[in-house]
N, C-alpha and C. Protein backbone atom coordinates (compact mmCIF):
# COMPACT_ATOMS: atom_id res chain seq x y z
N MET A 1 -31.04 -38.96 -47.79
CA MET A 1 -31.94 -39.79 -46.69
C MET A 1 -31.44 -40.24 -45.63
N HIS A 2 -30.02 -39.87 -44.89
CA HIS A 2 -29.52 -39.44 -42.93
C HIS A 2 -29.11 -38.73 -43.77
N PHE A 3 -28.87 -38.32 -43.73
CA PHE A 3 -28.38 -36.89 -43.93
C PHE A 3 -29.30 -35.72 -42.83
N ILE A 4 -31.00 -36.03 -44.24
CA ILE A 4 -31.73 -35.39 -43.46
C ILE A 4 -32.94 -35.93 -41.79
N LYS A 5 -32.55 -37.22 -42.14
CA LYS A 5 -33.17 -37.38 -40.82
C LYS A 5 -32.32 -37.01 -39.97
N THR A 6 -31.05 -37.18 -39.67
CA THR A 6 -30.07 -36.75 -39.00
C THR A 6 -30.59 -35.42 -38.34
N ILE A 7 -30.74 -34.51 -39.02
CA ILE A 7 -31.11 -32.95 -39.97
C ILE A 7 -32.19 -32.70 -38.23
N VAL A 8 -33.63 -33.27 -38.78
CA VAL A 8 -34.84 -33.72 -37.81
C VAL A 8 -33.87 -33.89 -37.19
N THR A 9 -33.49 -34.71 -36.32
CA THR A 9 -33.57 -35.56 -34.67
C THR A 9 -32.59 -34.42 -34.23
N VAL A 10 -31.72 -34.29 -34.95
CA VAL A 10 -31.10 -32.87 -33.86
C VAL A 10 -31.84 -31.63 -33.81
N CYS A 11 -32.71 -31.18 -34.63
CA CYS A 11 -33.76 -29.94 -34.52
C CYS A 11 -34.39 -30.23 -33.19
N THR A 12 -35.03 -32.03 -33.74
CA THR A 12 -35.74 -32.06 -32.38
C THR A 12 -35.52 -32.09 -31.87
N LEU A 13 -34.26 -32.43 -31.10
CA LEU A 13 -33.81 -32.64 -29.44
C LEU A 13 -33.26 -31.09 -29.06
N SER A 14 -32.47 -30.19 -30.24
CA SER A 14 -32.92 -29.23 -30.17
C SER A 14 -34.54 -28.43 -29.45
N LEU A 15 -34.99 -28.16 -30.20
CA LEU A 15 -35.74 -27.66 -29.46
C LEU A 15 -36.59 -28.12 -27.97
N MET A 16 -36.92 -30.29 -27.63
CA MET A 16 -36.61 -30.54 -27.39
C MET A 16 -36.16 -29.94 -25.00
N SER A 17 -34.96 -30.25 -26.00
CA SER A 17 -33.77 -29.54 -25.07
C SER A 17 -34.89 -27.76 -24.20
N LEU A 18 -35.38 -26.83 -24.84
CA LEU A 18 -35.61 -25.62 -25.79
C LEU A 18 -36.97 -25.14 -24.54
N VAL A 19 -38.20 -26.72 -24.21
CA VAL A 19 -38.93 -26.38 -23.74
C VAL A 19 -38.24 -27.27 -22.46
N HIS A 20 -38.02 -27.61 -22.08
CA HIS A 20 -36.75 -27.80 -20.47
C HIS A 20 -36.50 -27.40 -20.04
N ALA A 21 -35.35 -26.35 -21.17
CA ALA A 21 -35.13 -25.48 -20.68
C ALA A 21 -35.35 -24.58 -18.95
N HIS A 22 -34.76 -23.83 -18.24
CA HIS A 22 -35.37 -22.90 -17.32
C HIS A 22 -34.48 -22.16 -16.97
N THR A 23 -35.21 -21.20 -16.30
CA THR A 23 -34.11 -20.27 -15.85
C THR A 23 -33.06 -20.63 -14.45
N VAL A 24 -32.18 -19.71 -15.09
CA VAL A 24 -30.66 -20.57 -13.75
C VAL A 24 -29.57 -19.58 -14.37
N LEU A 25 -28.58 -19.78 -12.76
CA LEU A 25 -27.67 -18.97 -12.27
C LEU A 25 -26.51 -19.07 -13.12
N GLU A 26 -25.97 -18.57 -13.70
CA GLU A 26 -24.72 -18.54 -14.50
C GLU A 26 -23.93 -18.76 -13.13
N TYR A 27 -23.64 -18.96 -12.23
CA TYR A 27 -22.61 -19.47 -11.16
C TYR A 27 -23.45 -19.94 -9.85
N GLN A 28 -23.91 -21.18 -10.62
CA GLN A 28 -23.98 -22.34 -8.74
C GLN A 28 -24.16 -22.93 -7.74
N VAL A 29 -22.64 -22.05 -7.64
CA VAL A 29 -22.10 -22.59 -5.88
C VAL A 29 -20.91 -20.83 -6.01
N ALA A 30 -20.80 -20.58 -4.52
CA ALA A 30 -20.45 -19.15 -3.82
C ALA A 30 -21.18 -19.24 -2.61
N THR A 31 -19.74 -19.04 -2.45
CA THR A 31 -19.36 -17.85 -0.59
C THR A 31 -20.19 -17.80 0.86
N ALA A 32 -20.38 -18.63 1.36
CA ALA A 32 -20.92 -17.81 2.57
C ALA A 32 -20.93 -15.99 3.17
N GLY A 33 -21.50 -15.36 3.12
CA GLY A 33 -21.06 -14.17 3.54
C GLY A 33 -20.30 -13.39 2.70
N GLN A 34 -20.04 -13.93 1.33
CA GLN A 34 -19.41 -13.01 0.53
C GLN A 34 -20.70 -12.52 -0.78
N TYR A 35 -19.87 -11.24 -1.38
CA TYR A 35 -21.07 -11.20 -2.16
C TYR A 35 -21.66 -11.26 -3.31
N TYR A 36 -22.46 -11.88 -3.78
CA TYR A 36 -22.74 -12.79 -5.28
C TYR A 36 -23.38 -12.33 -5.92
N LYS A 37 -23.08 -12.27 -7.39
CA LYS A 37 -23.73 -11.35 -8.64
C LYS A 37 -24.34 -12.49 -9.70
N ALA A 38 -25.56 -12.65 -9.15
CA ALA A 38 -26.94 -13.37 -9.53
C ALA A 38 -27.49 -12.79 -10.73
N THR A 39 -26.33 -14.21 -11.62
CA THR A 39 -26.55 -13.43 -12.40
C THR A 39 -28.25 -14.79 -13.30
N PHE A 40 -29.16 -14.37 -13.93
CA PHE A 40 -30.52 -14.66 -14.32
C PHE A 40 -30.48 -15.55 -15.49
N LYS A 41 -29.57 -16.56 -16.30
CA LYS A 41 -30.27 -16.97 -17.82
C LYS A 41 -31.26 -17.42 -17.95
N VAL A 42 -32.00 -16.24 -19.10
CA VAL A 42 -33.01 -17.01 -19.63
C VAL A 42 -33.26 -16.99 -21.04
N SER A 43 -33.12 -17.94 -21.18
CA SER A 43 -32.76 -18.54 -23.05
C SER A 43 -34.02 -19.12 -23.59
N HIS A 44 -35.16 -18.35 -23.44
CA HIS A 44 -36.33 -18.86 -24.67
C HIS A 44 -37.29 -17.79 -23.72
N GLY A 45 -38.71 -17.55 -23.87
CA GLY A 45 -39.62 -17.28 -24.00
C GLY A 45 -41.00 -17.90 -23.83
N CYS A 46 -42.32 -17.91 -24.33
CA CYS A 46 -43.31 -18.53 -23.57
C CYS A 46 -43.80 -19.21 -25.39
N GLY A 47 -43.34 -20.46 -25.44
CA GLY A 47 -43.66 -20.85 -27.55
C GLY A 47 -43.39 -20.10 -27.63
N ASN A 48 -43.19 -19.08 -29.02
CA ASN A 48 -43.39 -18.26 -29.29
C ASN A 48 -43.73 -16.84 -28.85
N SER A 49 -43.78 -16.60 -27.83
CA SER A 49 -44.03 -15.24 -26.80
C SER A 49 -43.10 -14.88 -26.60
N PRO A 50 -42.19 -13.40 -26.53
CA PRO A 50 -41.61 -12.40 -26.20
C PRO A 50 -41.74 -12.73 -25.02
N THR A 51 -40.50 -12.29 -24.07
CA THR A 51 -41.02 -12.16 -22.04
C THR A 51 -40.51 -10.99 -22.34
N ARG A 52 -41.93 -9.66 -21.38
CA ARG A 52 -41.51 -8.95 -21.35
C ARG A 52 -41.87 -8.09 -19.98
N GLN A 53 -41.53 -9.84 -18.66
CA GLN A 53 -41.24 -9.83 -17.53
C GLN A 53 -40.59 -9.70 -16.73
N ILE A 54 -39.57 -9.55 -16.52
CA ILE A 54 -38.33 -11.68 -15.03
C ILE A 54 -38.64 -10.49 -13.85
N VAL A 55 -39.13 -11.03 -12.66
CA VAL A 55 -39.59 -11.07 -11.44
C VAL A 55 -38.17 -12.17 -10.56
N VAL A 56 -37.66 -11.49 -10.37
CA VAL A 56 -37.00 -12.69 -8.62
C VAL A 56 -36.65 -12.67 -7.20
N ASP A 57 -37.59 -13.30 -6.99
CA ASP A 57 -38.54 -13.43 -5.30
C ASP A 57 -36.57 -13.11 -4.36
N ILE A 58 -36.43 -11.88 -3.75
CA ILE A 58 -35.02 -12.62 -2.91
C ILE A 58 -35.19 -13.46 -1.92
N PRO A 59 -33.65 -14.27 -1.49
CA PRO A 59 -33.89 -14.93 -0.84
C PRO A 59 -33.93 -14.43 0.85
N LEU A 60 -34.34 -14.76 1.30
CA LEU A 60 -34.55 -14.40 2.70
C LEU A 60 -32.49 -14.69 3.58
N GLY A 61 -32.66 -13.25 4.22
CA GLY A 61 -30.85 -14.03 4.51
C GLY A 61 -29.84 -13.46 3.90
N VAL A 62 -30.12 -13.15 1.89
CA VAL A 62 -29.61 -11.80 1.35
C VAL A 62 -29.78 -10.68 1.55
N GLN A 63 -27.97 -9.58 2.39
CA GLN A 63 -29.13 -8.54 2.08
C GLN A 63 -28.36 -7.60 1.59
N GLY A 64 -29.24 -6.40 1.38
CA GLY A 64 -28.58 -5.47 0.13
C GLY A 64 -28.85 -5.86 -1.27
N ALA A 65 -29.23 -6.19 -1.54
CA ALA A 65 -29.59 -6.75 -2.67
C ALA A 65 -30.00 -5.24 -4.42
N LYS A 66 -28.94 -5.61 -4.85
CA LYS A 66 -29.28 -3.94 -5.66
C LYS A 66 -29.49 -4.35 -7.27
N PRO A 67 -30.11 -4.55 -7.93
CA PRO A 67 -29.96 -4.88 -9.43
C PRO A 67 -29.53 -4.13 -10.79
N MET A 68 -28.91 -4.61 -11.66
CA MET A 68 -28.28 -4.32 -12.64
C MET A 68 -28.94 -3.60 -14.03
N PRO A 69 -28.66 -2.44 -13.64
CA PRO A 69 -30.58 -1.90 -15.30
C PRO A 69 -30.05 -2.72 -16.42
N LYS A 70 -30.90 -2.56 -16.64
CA LYS A 70 -31.23 -2.78 -18.53
C LYS A 70 -31.89 -2.23 -19.85
N VAL A 71 -31.03 -1.28 -20.15
CA VAL A 71 -31.69 -0.69 -21.35
C VAL A 71 -33.05 -0.92 -21.66
N GLY A 72 -33.70 -0.20 -21.97
CA GLY A 72 -34.66 -0.29 -22.67
C GLY A 72 -36.20 -1.31 -21.29
N TRP A 73 -35.55 -1.54 -20.25
CA TRP A 73 -36.47 -2.06 -18.85
C TRP A 73 -36.81 -1.07 -18.49
N GLN A 74 -37.63 -1.47 -17.50
CA GLN A 74 -37.93 -0.23 -16.16
C GLN A 74 -37.58 -2.04 -15.06
N LEU A 75 -37.04 -0.84 -14.24
CA LEU A 75 -36.50 -1.47 -12.44
C LEU A 75 -37.76 -1.51 -11.63
N GLU A 76 -38.27 -2.27 -10.73
CA GLU A 76 -39.19 -2.15 -9.15
C GLU A 76 -38.35 -2.66 -8.28
N VAL A 77 -37.94 -2.40 -7.71
CA VAL A 77 -37.22 -2.91 -6.48
C VAL A 77 -38.66 -2.79 -5.39
N LEU A 78 -38.96 -3.74 -4.36
CA LEU A 78 -39.68 -3.50 -3.49
C LEU A 78 -38.68 -3.53 -2.72
N GLN A 79 -38.94 -3.34 -1.46
CA GLN A 79 -38.20 -3.58 -0.05
C GLN A 79 -39.34 -3.45 0.97
N GLU A 80 -39.24 -4.25 1.51
CA GLU A 80 -39.77 -4.79 3.18
C GLU A 80 -39.34 -5.12 4.44
N LYS A 81 -40.06 -4.81 5.22
CA LYS A 81 -39.49 -4.75 6.89
C LYS A 81 -39.41 -6.35 7.01
N LEU A 82 -38.11 -5.80 7.68
CA LEU A 82 -37.25 -7.98 7.61
C LEU A 82 -37.63 -7.91 9.06
N PRO A 83 -37.36 -9.67 8.51
CA PRO A 83 -38.42 -10.38 10.92
C PRO A 83 -37.18 -10.24 11.59
N GLN A 84 -36.11 -10.51 11.40
CA GLN A 84 -34.99 -9.73 12.41
C GLN A 84 -34.37 -8.47 11.82
N SER A 85 -33.72 -7.39 12.26
CA SER A 85 -32.81 -6.84 11.59
C SER A 85 -31.66 -6.84 11.98
N TYR A 86 -30.58 -6.41 10.17
CA TYR A 86 -28.71 -6.57 10.86
C TYR A 86 -27.95 -5.19 10.16
N LEU A 87 -27.02 -5.69 11.40
CA LEU A 87 -26.43 -4.43 10.73
C LEU A 87 -24.97 -4.92 9.56
N SER A 88 -24.67 -3.52 9.07
CA SER A 88 -24.22 -3.51 8.05
C SER A 88 -23.93 -2.12 7.81
N HIS A 89 -22.68 -1.83 8.22
CA HIS A 89 -21.96 -0.62 8.14
C HIS A 89 -21.96 0.18 9.21
N GLY A 90 -21.65 -0.62 10.16
CA GLY A 90 -21.75 -0.52 11.69
C GLY A 90 -23.58 0.75 11.69
N ARG A 91 -24.56 0.06 10.33
CA ARG A 91 -26.47 0.72 11.18
C ARG A 91 -26.94 0.05 10.72
N THR A 92 -28.42 -0.36 11.48
CA THR A 92 -28.88 -1.53 11.48
C THR A 92 -29.82 -0.93 10.16
N THR A 93 -29.48 -2.41 9.85
CA THR A 93 -31.26 -2.74 8.61
C THR A 93 -31.88 -3.40 9.12
N THR A 94 -33.71 -2.93 9.32
CA THR A 94 -34.65 -3.54 9.47
C THR A 94 -35.24 -3.53 8.25
N GLU A 95 -35.45 -2.97 7.00
CA GLU A 95 -35.91 -3.05 5.40
C GLU A 95 -34.96 -3.52 4.17
N ASP A 96 -35.19 -4.75 3.20
CA ASP A 96 -34.62 -4.61 2.65
C ASP A 96 -35.22 -5.03 1.29
N VAL A 97 -34.52 -5.20 -0.22
CA VAL A 97 -34.62 -5.89 -0.67
C VAL A 97 -35.75 -7.10 -0.31
N THR A 98 -36.58 -7.04 -1.23
CA THR A 98 -36.98 -8.72 -1.12
C THR A 98 -37.98 -8.65 -3.17
N ARG A 99 -37.65 -8.22 -3.64
CA ARG A 99 -38.50 -8.64 -5.08
C ARG A 99 -37.74 -7.64 -5.65
N ILE A 100 -37.45 -8.36 -7.44
CA ILE A 100 -36.72 -7.31 -8.85
C ILE A 100 -37.13 -7.48 -9.16
N THR A 101 -38.24 -6.68 -10.18
CA THR A 101 -38.37 -6.72 -11.12
C THR A 101 -38.08 -5.87 -12.17
N TRP A 102 -38.01 -6.61 -13.82
CA TRP A 102 -37.62 -6.02 -14.46
C TRP A 102 -39.15 -6.23 -15.41
N THR A 103 -38.96 -4.83 -16.68
CA THR A 103 -39.88 -5.16 -17.37
C THR A 103 -39.92 -4.30 -18.30
N ALA A 104 -40.15 -4.73 -19.83
CA ALA A 104 -39.56 -3.93 -20.70
C ALA A 104 -40.42 -2.81 -21.31
N LYS A 105 -39.71 -1.96 -20.98
CA LYS A 105 -40.82 -0.72 -21.67
C LYS A 105 -41.63 -0.50 -23.46
N THR A 106 -40.72 -1.50 -23.87
CA THR A 106 -42.04 -1.16 -25.18
C THR A 106 -42.28 -3.41 -25.67
N ARG A 107 -42.81 -2.74 -26.59
CA ARG A 107 -42.85 -4.05 -27.13
C ARG A 107 -41.58 -4.45 -27.79
N GLU A 108 -41.40 -3.31 -28.35
CA GLU A 108 -39.94 -3.72 -29.28
C GLU A 108 -38.71 -3.70 -28.03
N ASP A 109 -38.16 -3.46 -26.27
CA ASP A 109 -37.42 -4.34 -25.94
C ASP A 109 -37.54 -5.44 -25.34
N MET A 110 -38.98 -6.17 -25.30
CA MET A 110 -38.95 -6.98 -24.81
C MET A 110 -38.35 -8.50 -25.58
N LEU A 111 -38.01 -9.35 -24.63
CA LEU A 111 -36.84 -10.55 -24.96
C LEU A 111 -37.24 -11.29 -26.28
N PRO A 112 -36.81 -11.11 -27.36
CA PRO A 112 -37.50 -12.60 -27.62
C PRO A 112 -37.92 -13.71 -28.55
N ALA A 113 -38.49 -15.08 -28.61
CA ALA A 113 -38.85 -16.09 -27.38
C ALA A 113 -37.21 -17.47 -28.04
N SER A 114 -37.05 -16.01 -29.58
CA SER A 114 -35.73 -17.34 -30.26
C SER A 114 -34.70 -15.95 -29.86
N HIS A 115 -34.22 -15.48 -28.69
CA HIS A 115 -32.81 -15.17 -27.99
C HIS A 115 -33.08 -15.32 -26.95
N TYR A 116 -31.74 -15.18 -26.13
CA TYR A 116 -30.87 -15.44 -24.78
C TYR A 116 -30.74 -14.23 -24.15
N ASP A 117 -30.60 -13.72 -22.54
CA ASP A 117 -30.30 -12.56 -22.11
C ASP A 117 -29.97 -12.58 -20.39
N GLU A 118 -29.00 -12.06 -20.19
CA GLU A 118 -29.30 -12.29 -18.34
C GLU A 118 -29.83 -10.93 -18.30
N PHE A 119 -30.13 -11.24 -16.51
CA PHE A 119 -30.87 -10.39 -15.08
C PHE A 119 -29.63 -10.70 -14.46
N VAL A 120 -30.12 -9.40 -13.91
CA VAL A 120 -28.54 -9.56 -12.99
C VAL A 120 -28.49 -9.06 -12.21
N LEU A 121 -28.45 -9.78 -10.92
CA LEU A 121 -28.50 -8.35 -9.09
C LEU A 121 -27.13 -8.63 -7.94
N VAL A 122 -27.07 -8.12 -7.43
CA VAL A 122 -25.72 -8.37 -6.81
C VAL A 122 -26.01 -7.75 -4.89
N GLY A 123 -25.86 -9.38 -4.29
CA GLY A 123 -26.05 -9.22 -2.78
C GLY A 123 -25.61 -9.22 -2.10
N VAL A 124 -25.35 -9.51 -0.67
CA VAL A 124 -24.23 -10.08 0.42
C VAL A 124 -25.05 -11.64 0.96
N LEU A 125 -24.38 -12.10 0.49
CA LEU A 125 -25.01 -14.21 1.40
C LEU A 125 -25.33 -13.96 2.06
N PRO A 126 -25.64 -15.00 2.87
CA PRO A 126 -26.21 -15.42 4.74
C PRO A 126 -24.84 -16.22 4.76
N GLN A 127 -24.00 -16.05 6.23
CA GLN A 127 -23.15 -16.95 6.75
C GLN A 127 -23.32 -17.78 7.06
N ALA A 128 -24.73 -19.54 6.66
CA ALA A 128 -24.78 -20.29 7.02
C ALA A 128 -24.46 -21.27 5.31
N ALA A 129 -24.11 -21.55 5.36
CA ALA A 129 -24.21 -22.82 3.84
C ALA A 129 -25.26 -23.59 4.03
N GLY A 130 -25.11 -24.17 2.72
CA GLY A 130 -26.75 -25.11 2.40
C GLY A 130 -27.04 -24.56 1.09
N MET A 131 -27.82 -25.04 0.12
CA MET A 131 -28.87 -24.85 -0.68
C MET A 131 -29.79 -23.96 -0.94
N MET A 132 -29.66 -22.90 -1.39
CA MET A 132 -30.36 -21.78 -1.60
C MET A 132 -31.09 -20.90 -2.61
N TYR A 133 -33.15 -21.20 -2.91
CA TYR A 133 -33.48 -21.34 -3.99
C TYR A 133 -33.90 -19.44 -4.99
N TRP A 134 -33.98 -18.85 -6.07
CA TRP A 134 -33.96 -18.18 -5.80
C TRP A 134 -35.11 -18.67 -6.81
N PRO A 135 -36.48 -17.95 -6.24
CA PRO A 135 -37.18 -17.79 -7.54
C PRO A 135 -37.53 -16.94 -8.18
N VAL A 136 -38.55 -17.37 -9.96
CA VAL A 136 -38.21 -16.34 -10.99
C VAL A 136 -39.08 -16.51 -11.32
N LYS A 137 -40.00 -15.40 -12.01
CA LYS A 137 -41.65 -15.27 -12.05
C LYS A 137 -41.05 -14.64 -13.60
N GLN A 138 -41.64 -15.47 -14.57
CA GLN A 138 -41.33 -14.66 -16.29
C GLN A 138 -42.45 -14.86 -17.13
N THR A 139 -42.84 -13.99 -17.26
CA THR A 139 -44.06 -13.26 -18.29
C THR A 139 -43.84 -12.66 -19.47
N CYS A 140 -44.37 -13.13 -20.27
CA CYS A 140 -44.84 -13.31 -22.01
C CYS A 140 -45.66 -12.07 -22.84
N GLU A 141 -45.92 -12.02 -23.61
CA GLU A 141 -46.32 -10.89 -23.74
C GLU A 141 -47.82 -12.11 -24.03
N GLN A 142 -48.16 -13.21 -24.50
CA GLN A 142 -48.48 -14.51 -23.71
C GLN A 142 -48.37 -14.91 -23.27
N GLY A 143 -48.99 -15.35 -22.22
CA GLY A 143 -48.49 -16.70 -21.29
C GLY A 143 -47.68 -16.65 -19.77
N ARG A 144 -46.94 -16.89 -19.34
CA ARG A 144 -46.13 -17.20 -18.55
C ARG A 144 -45.99 -18.18 -17.42
N MET A 145 -44.12 -18.17 -16.81
CA MET A 145 -43.12 -19.80 -16.84
C MET A 145 -42.39 -19.39 -15.60
N ASP A 146 -43.07 -19.75 -13.81
CA ASP A 146 -42.92 -20.00 -13.14
C ASP A 146 -42.32 -20.81 -12.65
N TRP A 147 -41.08 -20.12 -12.66
CA TRP A 147 -39.91 -21.69 -12.37
C TRP A 147 -40.04 -20.82 -10.55
N THR A 148 -40.96 -21.60 -10.16
CA THR A 148 -40.30 -20.73 -8.03
C THR A 148 -40.64 -22.67 -7.37
N GLU A 149 -41.19 -24.23 -7.75
CA GLU A 149 -41.00 -24.67 -7.31
C GLU A 149 -39.40 -25.16 -6.57
N ILE A 150 -39.32 -26.32 -5.86
CA ILE A 150 -38.10 -26.20 -4.39
C ILE A 150 -38.23 -27.50 -4.21
N PRO A 151 -37.51 -28.72 -4.04
CA PRO A 151 -37.24 -29.72 -4.48
C PRO A 151 -37.61 -29.55 -2.32
N GLN A 152 -38.90 -31.12 -1.95
CA GLN A 152 -39.02 -31.08 -0.65
C GLN A 152 -37.30 -32.31 -0.74
N PRO A 153 -37.05 -32.53 1.04
CA PRO A 153 -36.62 -33.19 1.12
C PRO A 153 -36.55 -34.78 -0.11
N GLY A 154 -34.89 -35.25 -0.32
CA GLY A 154 -35.28 -36.08 -0.47
C GLY A 154 -35.72 -36.22 -2.23
N GLN A 155 -35.66 -35.23 -3.03
CA GLN A 155 -35.68 -35.21 -4.02
C GLN A 155 -34.92 -33.79 -5.03
N LYS A 156 -34.80 -34.08 -6.20
CA LYS A 156 -33.81 -34.10 -6.90
C LYS A 156 -34.76 -32.47 -7.06
N LEU A 157 -33.96 -31.62 -6.87
CA LEU A 157 -34.08 -30.83 -8.80
C LEU A 157 -34.26 -30.91 -10.32
N SER A 158 -34.04 -31.78 -10.17
CA SER A 158 -34.75 -32.55 -12.59
C SER A 158 -36.10 -32.90 -11.51
N ASP A 159 -36.51 -34.18 -10.79
CA ASP A 159 -37.34 -34.51 -10.57
C ASP A 159 -38.61 -33.11 -10.21
N VAL A 160 -38.50 -32.28 -9.86
CA VAL A 160 -39.19 -30.39 -10.37
C VAL A 160 -39.38 -29.92 -11.54
N LYS A 161 -40.50 -30.47 -11.95
CA LYS A 161 -41.09 -29.70 -13.10
C LYS A 161 -40.98 -28.43 -13.41
N SER A 162 -40.64 -27.03 -12.42
CA SER A 162 -39.93 -25.61 -13.32
C SER A 162 -39.70 -25.18 -11.50
N PRO A 163 -38.61 -25.14 -11.45
CA PRO A 163 -37.39 -25.31 -10.57
C PRO A 163 -37.10 -23.95 -10.21
N ALA A 164 -36.49 -23.42 -8.87
CA ALA A 164 -36.16 -22.68 -8.77
C ALA A 164 -34.86 -22.16 -8.61
N ALA A 165 -34.53 -21.83 -8.79
CA ALA A 165 -32.65 -21.02 -9.65
C ALA A 165 -31.69 -21.33 -8.64
N ALA A 166 -30.99 -22.55 -8.22
CA ALA A 166 -30.68 -23.52 -7.46
C ALA A 166 -29.11 -22.47 -7.55
N LEU A 167 -28.71 -22.08 -5.99
CA LEU A 167 -27.51 -22.18 -5.74
C LEU A 167 -27.10 -23.13 -3.87
N GLU A 168 -25.82 -23.30 -4.41
CA GLU A 168 -25.01 -23.93 -3.27
C GLU A 168 -24.08 -23.55 -1.90
N ILE A 169 -24.47 -22.59 -1.44
CA ILE A 169 -23.30 -21.85 -0.15
C ILE A 169 -22.62 -22.22 0.58
N MET A 170 -22.01 -22.82 -0.50
CA MET A 170 -20.12 -23.39 0.84
C MET A 170 -19.95 -22.39 1.16
N PRO A 171 -19.09 -23.07 3.28
CA PRO A 171 -18.96 -22.78 4.18
C PRO A 171 -18.04 -21.74 3.39
N ALA A 172 -17.23 -20.20 3.78
CA ALA A 172 -16.70 -19.85 4.40
C ALA A 172 -15.57 -20.47 5.24
N ALA A 173 -14.34 -19.63 4.38
CA ALA A 173 -12.72 -20.81 4.44
C ALA A 173 -12.34 -19.05 6.08
N GLY A 174 -13.17 -19.35 6.68
CA GLY A 174 -12.25 -19.39 8.22
C GLY A 174 -12.42 -17.75 7.82
N ALA A 175 -12.83 -17.48 6.79
CA ALA A 175 -13.16 -15.69 6.95
C ALA A 175 -14.32 -15.32 7.51
N ALA A 176 -13.76 -14.30 8.36
CA ALA A 176 -14.62 -13.29 9.10
C ALA A 176 -15.16 -11.69 8.87
N GLY A 177 -16.99 -11.63 8.66
CA GLY A 177 -17.01 -10.06 7.93
C GLY A 177 -17.47 -10.91 6.30
N HIS A 178 -17.12 -10.15 5.58
CA HIS A 178 -18.41 -9.69 4.51
C HIS A 178 -16.48 -8.72 3.83
N GLN A 179 -16.68 -8.75 2.49
CA GLN A 179 -15.80 -8.55 1.50
C GLN A 179 -16.46 -7.94 0.25
N HIS A 180 -15.64 -7.15 0.32
CA HIS A 180 -16.30 -6.25 -1.01
C HIS A 180 -15.53 -6.29 -2.49
């Protein structure tokens, strides 16, 4: 009987952790001004419903974001005019990627609620150190989960119900420019 209670407790705790899980970055610390591979870990669907779309809003200051294609998923890359242009490889850039969307092409391509997957992009981080938040919207066949809340000053990430993916940007160690 004790064995059965232990199994029930472990299963309940596992389910509770899935309910509270959210979309997070694999690497949550990076260096200012460097290329950064943002890997968004999606560990569940919406209840039992499979994930059919992931939308990542690119934080202001991230330059030249490029998504990694996924078999069975259609990519949409939205570019918009920047509030301030920047120089990249000797050219002035006035528009940049502001949103990347992965959408399952068919029901069979959707991410089952009981499975895990990653959605990846790369871009150059801003020169300034500090916290950066990546809003992620997860649309399922039935329902959606928006991981878009940013903590207010004095609040911890764990204090918000649906936190955006957080990245701590550390100061560059005297490096000039960006590296490939």
